[in-house]
PDB file of N, CA and C in Angstrom:
ATOM      1  N   MET A   1      11.180  13.064  -7.894  1.00  0.00           N
ATOM      2  CA  MET A   1      10.113  12.311  -7.228  1.00  0.00           C
ATOM      3  C   MET A   1       9.680  13.033  -6.073  1.00  0.00           C
ATOM      4  N   SER A   2       8.448  13.163  -5.896  1.00  0.00           N
ATOM      5  CA  SER A   2       7.898  13.842  -4.588  1.00  0.00           C
ATOM      6  C   SER A   2       7.564  12.726  -3.626  1.00  0.00           C
ATOM      7  N   LYS A   3       7.489  12.924  -2.397  1.00  0.00           N
ATOM      8  CA  LYS A   3       6.964  12.009  -1.253  1.00  0.00           C
ATOM      9  C   LYS A   3       5.597  11.955  -1.210  1.00  0.00           C
ATOM     10  N   HIS A   4       5.073  10.854  -0.912  1.00  0.00           N
ATOM     11  CA  HIS A   4       3.629  10.617  -0.528  1.00  0.00           C
ATOM     12  C   HIS A   4       3.175  11.380   0.567  1.00  0.00           C
ATOM     13  N   THR A   5       1.900  11.687   0.887  1.00  0.00           N
ATOM     14  CA  THR A   5       1.471  12.292   2.164  1.00  0.00           C
ATOM     15  C   THR A   5       1.611  11.116   3.237  1.00  0.00           C
ATOM     16  N   PRO A   6       2.298  11.674   4.329  1.00  0.00           N
ATOM     17  CA  PRO A   6       2.467  10.720   5.406  1.00  0.00           C
ATOM     18  C   PRO A   6       1.205  10.100   5.918  1.00  0.00           C
ATOM     19  N   GLY A   7       1.502   8.875   6.438  1.00  0.00           N
ATOM     20  CA  GLY A   7       0.327   8.208   7.072  1.00  0.00           C
ATOM     21  C   GLY A   7       0.202   8.524   8.557  1.00  0.00           C
ATOM     22  N   PRO A   8      -0.621   8.089   9.184  1.00  0.00           N
ATOM     23  CA  PRO A   8      -1.555   6.894   8.867  1.00  0.00           C
ATOM     24  C   PRO A   8      -2.750   7.681   7.880  1.00  0.00           C
ATOM     25  N   TRP A   9      -3.238   6.709   7.114  1.00  0.00           N
ATOM     26  CA  TRP A   9      -4.460   7.310   6.366  1.00  0.00           C
ATOM     27  C   TRP A   9      -5.688   6.459   6.924  1.00  0.00           C
ATOM     28  N   THR A  10      -6.882   7.020   6.719  1.00  0.00           N
ATOM     29  CA  THR A  10      -8.192   6.309   7.246  1.00  0.00           C
ATOM     30  C   THR A  10      -9.179   6.560   5.887  1.00  0.00           C
ATOM     31  N   ALA A  11     -10.032   5.469   5.927  1.00  0.00           N
ATOM     32  CA  ALA A  11     -11.128   5.515   4.958  1.00  0.00           C
ATOM     33  C   ALA A  11     -12.376   5.970   5.725  1.00  0.00           C
ATOM     34  N   GLU A  12     -12.999   7.080   5.386  1.00  0.00           N
ATOM     35  CA  GLU A  12     -14.074   7.583   5.915  1.00  0.00           C
ATOM     36  C   GLU A  12     -15.390   7.312   5.177  1.00  0.00           C
ATOM     37  N   PRO A  13     -16.312   6.625   5.757  1.00  0.00           N
ATOM     38  CA  PRO A  13     -17.466   6.195   5.026  1.00  0.00           C
ATOM     39  C   PRO A  13     -18.333   7.422   4.442  1.00  0.00           C
ATOM     40  N   PRO A  14     -19.236   7.231   3.513  1.00  0.00           N
ATOM     41  CA  PRO A  14     -20.107   8.264   2.955  1.00  0.00           C
ATOM     42  C   PRO A  14     -21.170   8.770   4.085  1.00  0.00           C
ATOM     43  N   SER A  15     -21.592   9.778   3.852  1.00  0.00           N
ATOM     44  CA  SER A  15     -22.584  10.428   4.688  1.00  0.00           C
ATOM     45  C   SER A  15     -23.729  11.011   3.818  1.00  0.00           C
ATOM     46  N   GLU A  16     -24.825  11.496   4.398  1.00  0.00           N
ATOM     47  CA  GLU A  16     -25.855  12.136   3.661  1.00  0.00           C
ATOM     48  C   GLU A  16     -25.329  13.198   2.820  1.00  0.00           C
ATOM     49  N   GLN A  17     -24.299  14.097   3.312  1.00  0.00           N
ATOM     50  CA  GLN A  17     -23.863  15.230   2.567  1.00  0.00           C
ATOM     51  C   GLN A  17     -22.749  14.857   1.547  1.00  0.00           C
ATOM     52  N   THR A  18     -22.116  13.885   1.828  1.00  0.00           N
ATOM     53  CA  THR A  18     -20.916  13.361   0.799  1.00  0.00           C
ATOM     54  C   THR A  18     -21.191  11.877   0.445  1.00  0.00           C
ATOM     55  N   PRO A  19     -21.766  11.635  -0.477  1.00  0.00           N
ATOM     56  CA  PRO A  19     -22.104  10.257  -0.999  1.00  0.00           C
ATOM     57  C   PRO A  19     -20.809   9.688  -1.638  1.00  0.00           C
ATOM     58  N   HIS A  20     -19.657   9.895  -1.019  1.00  0.00           N
ATOM     59  CA  HIS A  20     -18.409   8.984  -1.403  1.00  0.00           C
ATOM     60  C   HIS A  20     -17.522   8.761  -0.338  1.00  0.00           C
ATOM     61  N   ILE A  21     -16.521   7.955  -0.564  1.00  0.00           N
ATOM     62  CA  ILE A  21     -15.655   7.542   0.520  1.00  0.00           C
ATOM     63  C   ILE A  21     -14.406   8.448   0.208  1.00  0.00           C
ATOM     64  N   TRP A  22     -14.072   9.130   1.375  1.00  0.00           N
ATOM     65  CA  TRP A  22     -12.626   9.918   1.415  1.00  0.00           C
ATOM     66  C   TRP A  22     -11.753   9.120   2.081  1.00  0.00           C
ATOM     67  N   VAL A  23     -10.479   9.110   1.406  1.00  0.00           N
ATOM     68  CA  VAL A  23      -9.418   8.424   2.292  1.00  0.00           C
ATOM     69  C   VAL A  23      -8.475   9.687   2.631  1.00  0.00           C
ATOM     70  N   ASN A  24      -8.501   9.846   4.031  1.00  0.00           N
ATOM     71  CA  ASN A  24      -7.756  11.203   4.707  1.00  0.00           C
ATOM     72  C   ASN A  24      -6.582  10.694   5.390  1.00  0.00           C
ATOM     73  N   ALA A  25      -5.614  11.736   5.344  1.00  0.00           N
ATOM     74  CA  ALA A  25      -4.348  11.453   6.127  1.00  0.00           C
ATOM     75  C   ALA A  25      -4.480  12.079   7.358  1.00  0.00           C
ATOM     76  N   ALA A  26      -3.629  11.599   8.372  1.00  0.00           N
ATOM     77  CA  ALA A  26      -3.598  12.097   9.760  1.00  0.00           C
ATOM     78  C   ALA A  26      -3.686  13.854   9.727  1.00  0.00           C
ATOM     79  N   THR A  27      -3.183  14.456   8.780  1.00  0.00           N
ATOM     80  CA  THR A  27      -3.193  15.782   8.635  1.00  0.00           C
ATOM     81  C   THR A  27      -4.593  16.367   8.272  1.00  0.00           C
ATOM     82  N   ASN A  28      -5.565  15.611   8.179  1.00  0.00           N
ATOM     83  CA  ASN A  28      -6.779  15.966   7.716  1.00  0.00           C
ATOM     84  C   ASN A  28      -6.965  16.410   6.222  1.00  0.00           C
ATOM     85  N   SER A  29      -5.984  16.000   5.621  1.00  0.00           N
ATOM     86  CA  SER A  29      -6.059  16.413   4.071  1.00  0.00           C
ATOM     87  C   SER A  29      -6.467  15.146   3.303  1.00  0.00           C
ATOM     88  N   GLY A  30      -7.278  15.247   2.223  1.00  0.00           N
ATOM     89  CA  GLY A  30      -7.785  14.342   1.461  1.00  0.00           C
ATOM     90  C   GLY A  30      -6.718  13.706   0.628  1.00  0.00           C
ATOM     91  N   VAL A  31      -6.573  12.414   0.688  1.00  0.00           N
ATOM     92  CA  VAL A  31      -5.602  11.743  -0.112  1.00  0.00           C
ATOM     93  C   VAL A  31      -6.392  11.035  -1.367  1.00  0.00           C
ATOM     94  N   ALA A  32      -7.382  10.670  -1.350  1.00  0.00           N
ATOM     95  CA  ALA A  32      -8.156  10.087  -2.429  1.00  0.00           C
ATOM     96  C   ALA A  32      -9.664  10.161  -2.251  1.00  0.00           C
ATOM     97  N   LYS A  33     -10.571  10.206  -3.225  1.00  0.00           N
ATOM     98  CA  LYS A  33     -11.948  10.214  -3.086  1.00  0.00           C
ATOM     99  C   LYS A  33     -12.460   9.163  -4.062  1.00  0.00           C
ATOM    100  N   ILE A  34     -13.414   8.346  -3.564  1.00  0.00           N
ATOM    101  CA  ILE A  34     -13.901   7.133  -4.299  1.00  0.00           C
ATOM    102  C   ILE A  34     -15.347   7.459  -4.218  1.00  0.00           C
ATOM    103  N   GLU A  35     -15.864   7.475  -5.497  1.00  0.00           N
ATOM    104  CA  GLU A  35     -17.260   7.761  -5.775  1.00  0.00           C
ATOM    105  C   GLU A  35     -17.916   7.134  -6.865  1.00  0.00           C
ATOM    106  N   VAL A  36     -19.124   6.972  -6.939  1.00  0.00           N
ATOM    107  CA  VAL A  36     -19.819   6.486  -8.157  1.00  0.00           C
ATOM    108  C   VAL A  36     -20.141   7.690  -8.988  1.00  0.00           C
ATOM    109  N   CYS A  37     -19.811   7.716 -10.232  1.00  0.00           N
ATOM    110  CA  CYS A  37     -19.831   8.885 -11.068  1.00  0.00           C
ATOM    111  C   CYS A  37     -21.485   9.242 -11.108  1.00  0.00           C
ATOM    112  N   ASP A  38     -22.317   8.343 -11.341  1.00  0.00           N
ATOM    113  CA  ASP A  38     -23.599   8.697 -11.592  1.00  0.00           C
ATOM    114  C   ASP A  38     -24.581   8.662 -10.316  1.00  0.00           C
ATOM    115  N   TYR A  39     -23.998   9.001  -9.129  1.00  0.00           N
ATOM    116  CA  TYR A  39     -24.748   8.832  -7.961  1.00  0.00           C
ATOM    117  C   TYR A  39     -25.791   9.971  -7.790  1.00  0.00           C
ATOM    118  N   ASP A  40     -27.024   9.667  -7.532  1.00  0.00           N
ATOM    119  CA  ASP A  40     -28.011  10.690  -7.441  1.00  0.00           C
ATOM    120  C   ASP A  40     -28.970  10.569  -6.341  1.00  0.00           C
ATOM    121  N   ASP A  41     -28.369  10.708  -5.128  1.00  0.00           N
ATOM    122  CA  ASP A  41     -29.282  10.494  -3.828  1.00  0.00           C
ATOM    123  C   ASP A  41     -30.011   9.200  -3.710  1.00  0.00           C
ATOM    124  N   GLY A  42     -29.129   8.074  -3.998  1.00  0.00           N
ATOM    125  CA  GLY A  42     -29.756   6.814  -3.755  1.00  0.00           C
ATOM    126  C   GLY A  42     -30.582   6.309  -5.009  1.00  0.00           C
ATOM    127  N   LYS A  43     -30.925   7.158  -5.899  1.00  0.00           N
ATOM    128  CA  LYS A  43     -31.758   6.625  -7.047  1.00  0.00           C
ATOM    129  C   LYS A  43     -30.900   5.944  -8.117  1.00  0.00           C
ATOM    130  N   GLY A  44     -29.448   6.157  -8.063  1.00  0.00           N
ATOM    131  CA  GLY A  44     -28.716   5.865  -9.152  1.00  0.00           C
ATOM    132  C   GLY A  44     -27.814   4.696  -8.565  1.00  0.00           C
ATOM    133  N   GLU A  45     -26.580   4.493  -9.017  1.00  0.00           N
ATOM    134  CA  GLU A  45     -25.628   3.527  -8.616  1.00  0.00           C
ATOM    135  C   GLU A  45     -25.250   3.845  -7.288  1.00  0.00           C
ATOM    136  N   ARG A  46     -24.913   2.790  -6.402  1.00  0.00           N
ATOM    137  CA  ARG A  46     -24.415   2.849  -5.033  1.00  0.00           C
ATOM    138  C   ARG A  46     -22.977   2.454  -4.983  1.00  0.00           C
ATOM    139  N   LEU A  47     -22.352   2.836  -4.008  1.00  0.00           N
ATOM    140  CA  LEU A  47     -21.087   2.371  -3.727  1.00  0.00           C
ATOM    141  C   LEU A  47     -21.098   0.882  -3.362  1.00  0.00           C
ATOM    142  N   THR A  48     -20.130   0.077  -4.027  1.00  0.00           N
ATOM    143  CA  THR A  48     -20.202  -1.256  -3.773  1.00  0.00           C
ATOM    144  C   THR A  48     -19.280  -1.822  -2.732  1.00  0.00           C
ATOM    145  N   ASP A  49     -19.205  -2.969  -2.399  1.00  0.00           N
ATOM    146  CA  ASP A  49     -18.361  -3.625  -1.420  1.00  0.00           C
ATOM    147  C   ASP A  49     -16.952  -3.388  -1.931  1.00  0.00           C
ATOM    148  N   GLU A  50     -16.639  -3.675  -3.164  1.00  0.00           N
ATOM    149  CA  GLU A  50     -15.441  -3.429  -3.980  1.00  0.00           C
ATOM    150  C   GLU A  50     -14.959  -2.008  -3.744  1.00  0.00           C
ATOM    151  N   ASP A  51     -15.731  -0.941  -3.798  1.00  0.00           N
ATOM    152  CA  ASP A  51     -15.325   0.352  -3.603  1.00  0.00           C
ATOM    153  C   ASP A  51     -14.870   0.569  -2.158  1.00  0.00           C
ATOM    154  N   PHE A  52     -15.457  -0.096  -1.150  1.00  0.00           N
ATOM    155  CA  PHE A  52     -15.015   0.077   0.269  1.00  0.00           C
ATOM    156  C   PHE A  52     -13.816  -0.798   0.391  1.00  0.00           C
ATOM    157  N   ALA A  53     -13.602  -1.861  -0.236  1.00  0.00           N
ATOM    158  CA  ALA A  53     -12.415  -2.592  -0.093  1.00  0.00           C
ATOM    159  C   ALA A  53     -11.299  -1.795  -0.749  1.00  0.00           C
ATOM    160  N   ASN A  54     -11.466  -1.196  -1.891  1.00  0.00           N
ATOM    161  CA  ASN A  54     -10.517  -0.286  -2.567  1.00  0.00           C
ATOM    162  C   ASN A  54     -10.014   0.732  -1.567  1.00  0.00           C
ATOM    163  N   ALA A  55     -11.052   1.355  -0.845  1.00  0.00           N
ATOM    164  CA  ALA A  55     -10.778   2.445   0.084  1.00  0.00           C
ATOM    165  C   ALA A  55      -9.908   2.121   1.153  1.00  0.00           C
ATOM    166  N   ARG A  56     -10.116   0.835   1.748  1.00  0.00           N
ATOM    167  CA  ARG A  56      -9.344   0.273   2.780  1.00  0.00           C
ATOM    168  C   ARG A  56      -7.886  -0.076   2.259  1.00  0.00           C
ATOM    169  N   LEU A  57      -7.846  -0.447   1.045  1.00  0.00           N
ATOM    170  CA  LEU A  57      -6.447  -0.971   0.591  1.00  0.00           C
ATOM    171  C   LEU A  57      -5.679   0.441   0.318  1.00  0.00           C
ATOM    172  N   ILE A  58      -6.312   1.528  -0.227  1.00  0.00           N
ATOM    173  CA  ILE A  58      -5.595   2.811  -0.469  1.00  0.00           C
ATOM    174  C   ILE A  58      -5.213   3.320   0.928  1.00  0.00           C
ATOM    175  N   ALA A  59      -6.125   3.213   2.036  1.00  0.00           N
ATOM    176  CA  ALA A  59      -5.853   3.630   3.318  1.00  0.00           C
ATOM    177  C   ALA A  59      -4.521   3.032   4.035  1.00  0.00           C
ATOM    178  N   ALA A  60      -4.383   1.828   3.625  1.00  0.00           N
ATOM    179  CA  ALA A  60      -3.344   1.061   4.216  1.00  0.00           C
ATOM    180  C   ALA A  60      -1.953   1.165   3.608  1.00  0.00           C
ATOM    181  N   ALA A  61      -2.091   1.795   2.314  1.00  0.00           N
ATOM    182  CA  ALA A  61      -0.816   2.059   1.569  1.00  0.00           C
ATOM    183  C   ALA A  61       0.305   2.362   2.333  1.00  0.00           C
ATOM    184  N   PRO A  62       0.354   3.510   3.130  1.00  0.00           N
ATOM    185  CA  PRO A  62       1.599   3.841   3.755  1.00  0.00           C
ATOM    186  C   PRO A  62       2.157   2.891   4.712  1.00  0.00           C
ATOM    187  N   ASP A  63       1.262   2.167   5.357  1.00  0.00           N
ATOM    188  CA  ASP A  63       1.702   1.154   6.315  1.00  0.00           C
ATOM    189  C   ASP A  63       2.181  -0.213   5.551  1.00  0.00           C
ATOM    190  N   LEU A  64       1.513  -0.418   4.443  1.00  0.00           N
ATOM    191  CA  LEU A  64       2.067  -1.561   3.545  1.00  0.00           C
ATOM    192  C   LEU A  64       3.357  -1.160   3.109  1.00  0.00           C
ATOM    193  N   LEU A  65       3.767   0.063   2.620  1.00  0.00           N
ATOM    194  CA  LEU A  65       5.118   0.408   2.143  1.00  0.00           C
ATOM    195  C   LEU A  65       6.105   0.287   3.213  1.00  0.00           C
ATOM    196  N   ALA A  66       5.803   0.747   4.514  1.00  0.00           N
ATOM    197  CA  ALA A  66       6.705   0.722   5.531  1.00  0.00           C
ATOM    198  C   ALA A  66       7.005  -0.796   5.904  1.00  0.00           C
ATOM    199  N   ALA A  67       6.013  -1.621   6.001  1.00  0.00           N
ATOM    200  CA  ALA A  67       6.210  -3.027   6.117  1.00  0.00           C
ATOM    201  C   ALA A  67       7.053  -3.711   5.081  1.00  0.00           C
ATOM    202  N   LEU A  68       6.738  -3.395   3.967  1.00  0.00           N
ATOM    203  CA  LEU A  68       7.457  -3.969   2.855  1.00  0.00           C
ATOM    204  C   LEU A  68       9.038  -3.699   2.938  1.00  0.00           C
ATOM    205  N   LYS A  69       9.209  -2.417   3.188  1.00  0.00           N
ATOM    206  CA  LYS A  69      10.574  -1.890   3.363  1.00  0.00           C
ATOM    207  C   LYS A  69      11.297  -2.674   4.586  1.00  0.00           C
ATOM    208  N   SER A  70      10.633  -2.771   5.690  1.00  0.00           N
ATOM    209  CA  SER A  70      11.128  -3.590   6.796  1.00  0.00           C
ATOM    210  C   SER A  70      11.468  -4.927   6.557  1.00  0.00           C
ATOM    211  N   ALA A  71      10.615  -5.609   5.782  1.00  0.00           N
ATOM    212  CA  ALA A  71      10.706  -6.968   5.458  1.00  0.00           C
ATOM    213  C   ALA A  71      11.883  -7.204   4.379  1.00  0.00           C
ATOM    214  N   ALA A  72      11.916  -6.381   3.450  1.00  0.00           N
ATOM    215  CA  ALA A  72      13.090  -6.441   2.543  1.00  0.00           C
ATOM    216  C   ALA A  72      14.476  -6.271   3.148  1.00  0.00           C
ATOM    217  N   ALA A  73      14.425  -5.375   4.184  1.00  0.00           N
ATOM    218  CA  ALA A  73      15.698  -5.009   4.865  1.00  0.00           C
ATOM    219  C   ALA A  73      15.935  -6.243   5.762  1.00  0.00           C
ATOM    220  N   ALA A  74      15.100  -6.844   6.418  1.00  0.00           N
ATOM    221  CA  ALA A  74      15.175  -7.885   7.313  1.00  0.00           C
ATOM    222  C   ALA A  74      15.807  -9.319   6.515  1.00  0.00           C
ATOM    223  N   ILE A  75      15.332  -9.389   5.342  1.00  0.00           N
ATOM    224  CA  ILE A  75      15.816 -10.673   4.438  1.00  0.00           C
ATOM    225  C   ILE A  75      17.233 -10.208   4.091  1.00  0.00           C
ATOM    226  N   GLY A  76      17.549  -9.002   3.778  1.00  0.00           N
ATOM    227  CA  GLY A  76      18.905  -8.761   3.470  1.00  0.00           C
ATOM    228  C   GLY A  76      19.866  -8.996   4.611  1.00  0.00           C
ATOM    229  N   ASP A  77      19.435  -8.524   5.836  1.00  0.00           N
ATOM    230  CA  ASP A  77      20.228  -8.813   7.080  1.00  0.00           C
ATOM    231  C   ASP A  77      20.396 -10.352   7.321  1.00  0.00           C
ATOM    232  N   TRP A  78      19.349 -10.994   7.178  1.00  0.00           N
ATOM    233  CA  TRP A  78      19.351 -12.519   7.342  1.00  0.00           C
ATOM    234  C   TRP A  78      20.183 -13.355   6.227  1.00  0.00           C
ATOM    235  N   SER A  79      20.101 -12.757   4.955  1.00  0.00           N
ATOM    236  CA  SER A  79      20.764 -13.445   3.920  1.00  0.00           C
ATOM    237  C   SER A  79      22.310 -13.157   3.707  1.00  0.00           C
ATOM    238  N   ARG A  80      22.837 -12.381   4.567  1.00  0.00           N
ATOM    239  CA  ARG A  80      24.316 -12.370   4.381  1.00  0.00           C
ATOM    240  C   ARG A  80      24.978 -13.549   4.720  1.00  0.00           C
ATOM    241  N   PRO A  81      25.895 -14.083   3.881  1.00  0.00           N
ATOM    242  CA  PRO A  81      26.491 -15.308   4.016  1.00  0.00           C
ATOM    243  C   PRO A  81      27.340 -15.435   5.427  1.00  0.00           C
ATOM    244  N   THR A  82      26.857 -16.319   6.238  1.00  0.00           N
ATOM    245  CA  THR A  82      27.395 -16.407   7.496  1.00  0.00           C
ATOM    246  C   THR A  82      27.780 -17.798   7.829  1.00  0.00           C
ATOM    247  N   GLY A  83      27.356 -18.658   7.073  1.00  0.00           N
ATOM    248  CA  GLY A  83      27.515 -20.162   7.350  1.00  0.00           C
ATOM    249  C   GLY A  83      26.355 -20.680   8.309  1.00  0.00           C
ATOM    250  N   ALA A  84      25.910 -19.789   9.387  1.00  0.00           N
ATOM    251  CA  ALA A  84      24.919 -20.113  10.237  1.00  0.00           C
ATOM    252  C   ALA A  84      23.496 -20.255   9.600  1.00  0.00           C
ATOM    253  N   ASN A  85      23.261 -19.359   8.618  1.00  0.00           N
ATOM    254  CA  ASN A  85      21.977 -19.423   7.953  1.00  0.00           C
ATOM    255  C   ASN A  85      22.081 -20.282   6.609  1.00  0.00           C
ATOM    256  N   GLY A  86      23.223 -20.791   6.330  1.00  0.00           N
ATOM    257  CA  GLY A  86      23.287 -21.646   5.122  1.00  0.00           C
ATOM    258  C   GLY A  86      23.337 -20.983   3.790  1.00  0.00           C
ATOM    259  N   MET A  87      23.258 -19.531   3.943  1.00  0.00           N
ATOM    260  CA  MET A  87      23.242 -18.698   2.653  1.00  0.00           C
ATOM    261  C   MET A  87      24.715 -18.646   2.008  1.00  0.00           C
ATOM    262  N   THR A  88      24.757 -18.582   0.870  1.00  0.00           N
ATOM    263  CA  THR A  88      26.062 -18.295   0.160  1.00  0.00           C
ATOM    264  C   THR A  88      25.840 -17.517  -0.981  1.00  0.00           C
ATOM    265  N   SER A  89      26.926 -17.063  -1.618  1.00  0.00           N
ATOM    266  CA  SER A  89      26.620 -16.106  -2.782  1.00  0.00           C
ATOM    267  C   SER A  89      25.891 -16.912  -4.046  1.00  0.00           C
ATOM    268  N   ALA A  90      25.927 -18.179  -3.875  1.00  0.00           N
ATOM    269  CA  ALA A  90      25.129 -18.952  -4.878  1.00  0.00           C
ATOM    270  C   ALA A  90      23.657 -19.076  -4.584  1.00  0.00           C
ATOM    271  N   SER A  91      23.272 -18.528  -3.524  1.00  0.00           N
ATOM    272  CA  SER A  91      21.754 -18.611  -2.997  1.00  0.00           C
ATOM    273  C   SER A  91      20.814 -17.767  -3.491  1.00  0.00           C
ATOM    274  N   LEU A  92      21.105 -17.074  -4.576  1.00  0.00           N
ATOM    275  CA  LEU A  92      20.333 -15.971  -5.210  1.00  0.00           C
ATOM    276  C   LEU A  92      18.987 -16.465  -5.609  1.00  0.00           C
ATOM    277  N   GLY A  93      18.760 -17.805  -5.860  1.00  0.00           N
ATOM    278  CA  GLY A  93      17.498 -18.364  -6.251  1.00  0.00           C
ATOM    279  C   GLY A  93      16.673 -18.828  -4.992  1.00  0.00           C
ATOM    280  N   HIS A  94      17.130 -18.601  -3.844  1.00  0.00           N
ATOM    281  CA  HIS A  94      16.479 -18.985  -2.613  1.00  0.00           C
ATOM    282  C   HIS A  94      15.072 -18.200  -2.629  1.00  0.00           C
ATOM    283  N   PRO A  95      13.979 -18.742  -2.327  1.00  0.00           N
ATOM    284  CA  PRO A  95      12.772 -18.126  -2.290  1.00  0.00           C
ATOM    285  C   PRO A  95      12.580 -16.760  -1.624  1.00  0.00           C
ATOM    286  N   LEU A  96      13.357 -16.645  -0.509  1.00  0.00           N
ATOM    287  CA  LEU A  96      13.335 -15.380   0.179  1.00  0.00           C
ATOM    288  C   LEU A  96      14.170 -14.265  -0.614  1.00  0.00           C
ATOM    289  N   MET A  97      15.125 -14.709  -1.316  1.00  0.00           N
ATOM    290  CA  MET A  97      15.779 -13.762  -2.205  1.00  0.00           C
ATOM    291  C   MET A  97      14.933 -13.198  -3.353  1.00  0.00           C
ATOM    292  N   VAL A  98      14.257 -14.287  -3.954  1.00  0.00           N
ATOM    293  CA  VAL A  98      13.296 -13.981  -4.997  1.00  0.00           C
ATOM    294  C   VAL A  98      12.276 -12.988  -4.472  1.00  0.00           C
ATOM    295  N   ALA A  99      11.685 -13.314  -3.387  1.00  0.00           N
ATOM    296  CA  ALA A  99      10.642 -12.401  -2.699  1.00  0.00           C
ATOM    297  C   ALA A  99      11.281 -11.025  -2.401  1.00  0.00           C
ATOM    298  N   GLN A 100      12.501 -11.065  -1.985  1.00  0.00           N
ATOM    299  CA  GLN A 100      13.095  -9.674  -1.634  1.00  0.00           C
ATOM    300  C   GLN A 100      13.179  -8.819  -2.997  1.00  0.00           C
ATOM    301  N   ARG A 101      13.655  -9.468  -4.096  1.00  0.00           N
ATOM    302  CA  ARG A 101      13.717  -8.781  -5.393  1.00  0.00           C
ATOM    303  C   ARG A 101      12.350  -8.182  -5.771  1.00  0.00           C
ATOM    304  N   ALA A 102      11.312  -8.855  -5.626  1.00  0.00           N
ATOM    305  CA  ALA A 102       9.978  -8.541  -5.822  1.00  0.00           C
ATOM    306  C   ALA A 102       9.574  -7.371  -4.893  1.00  0.00           C
ATOM    307  N   MET A 103       9.987  -7.489  -3.717  1.00  0.00           N
ATOM    308  CA  MET A 103       9.666  -6.291  -2.855  1.00  0.00           C
ATOM    309  C   MET A 103      10.205  -5.073  -3.226  1.00  0.00           C
ATOM    310  N   TYR A 104      11.571  -5.090  -3.663  1.00  0.00           N
ATOM    311  CA  TYR A 104      12.197  -3.912  -4.144  1.00  0.00           C
ATOM    312  C   TYR A 104      11.642  -3.322  -5.379  1.00  0.00           C
ATOM    313  N   ASP A 105      11.083  -4.152  -6.260  1.00  0.00           N
ATOM    314  CA  ASP A 105      10.380  -3.826  -7.400  1.00  0.00           C
ATOM    315  C   ASP A 105       9.083  -3.060  -7.063  1.00  0.00           C
ATOM    316  N   VAL A 106       8.399  -3.514  -6.122  1.00  0.00           N
ATOM    317  CA  VAL A 106       7.186  -2.870  -5.725  1.00  0.00           C
ATOM    318  C   VAL A 106       7.481  -1.582  -5.044  1.00  0.00           C
ATOM    319  N   ILE A 107       8.604  -1.542  -4.146  1.00  0.00           N
ATOM    320  CA  ILE A 107       8.842  -0.317  -3.514  1.00  0.00           C
ATOM    321  C   ILE A 107       9.304   0.770  -4.551  1.00  0.00           C
ATOM    322  N   ALA A 108      10.001   0.256  -5.503  1.00  0.00           N
ATOM    323  CA  ALA A 108      10.506   1.353  -6.607  1.00  0.00           C
ATOM    324  C   ALA A 108       9.221   1.847  -7.434  1.00  0.00           C
ATOM    325  N   LYS A 109       8.158   0.986  -7.655  1.00  0.00           N
ATOM    326  CA  LYS A 109       7.017   1.354  -8.280  1.00  0.00           C
ATOM    327  C   LYS A 109       6.301   2.441  -7.382  1.00  0.00           C
ATOM    328  N   ALA A 110       6.265   2.203  -6.149  1.00  0.00           N
ATOM    329  CA  ALA A 110       5.505   3.222  -5.119  1.00  0.00           C
ATOM    330  C   ALA A 110       6.225   4.485  -5.183  1.00  0.00           C
ATOM    331  N   GLU A 111       7.602   4.372  -5.253  1.00  0.00           N
ATOM    332  CA  GLU A 111       8.433   5.613  -5.212  1.00  0.00           C
ATOM    333  C   GLU A 111       8.602   6.176  -6.451  1.00  0.00           C
ATOM    334  N   ASP A 112       7.988   5.695  -7.467  1.00  0.00           N
ATOM    335  CA  ASP A 112       8.217   6.254  -8.851  1.00  0.00           C
ATOM    336  C   ASP A 112       9.646   6.138  -9.405  1.00  0.00           C
ATOM    337  N   ARG A 113      10.285   4.886  -9.106  1.00  0.00           N
ATOM    338  CA  ARG A 113      11.544   4.758  -9.446  1.00  0.00           C
ATOM    339  C   ARG A 113      11.698   3.405 -10.447  1.00  0.00           C
ATOM    340  N   SER A 114      10.619   3.004 -10.968  1.00  0.00           N
ATOM    341  CA  SER A 114      10.613   1.920 -11.711  1.00  0.00           C
ATOM    342  C   SER A 114      10.883   2.139 -13.084  1.00  0.00           C
TER     343      SER A 114
END
């Protein structure tokens, strides 16, 4: 498994010279390019609001992954049976524990471990 390009990433809007959206890393390397396949200087299809939303989501990916890892770890710290938090070994069905398992599944998918 290889690691992803480190963040932060940004979505750069199209220009006259480049009629597509680039998602760039802080290292100025392109991470992704979003474009309309039949773009012909404004006479054909245009980038849509959905294209721009997709670019923003892609650009947020490293930050989302880091936040997800942090949240999953915090749930793990909180859920240790202490008596003070009401958690017991039988609390695996607690909504936070269910959410934590979903978080770990998404993290594994992002890291190609699913």
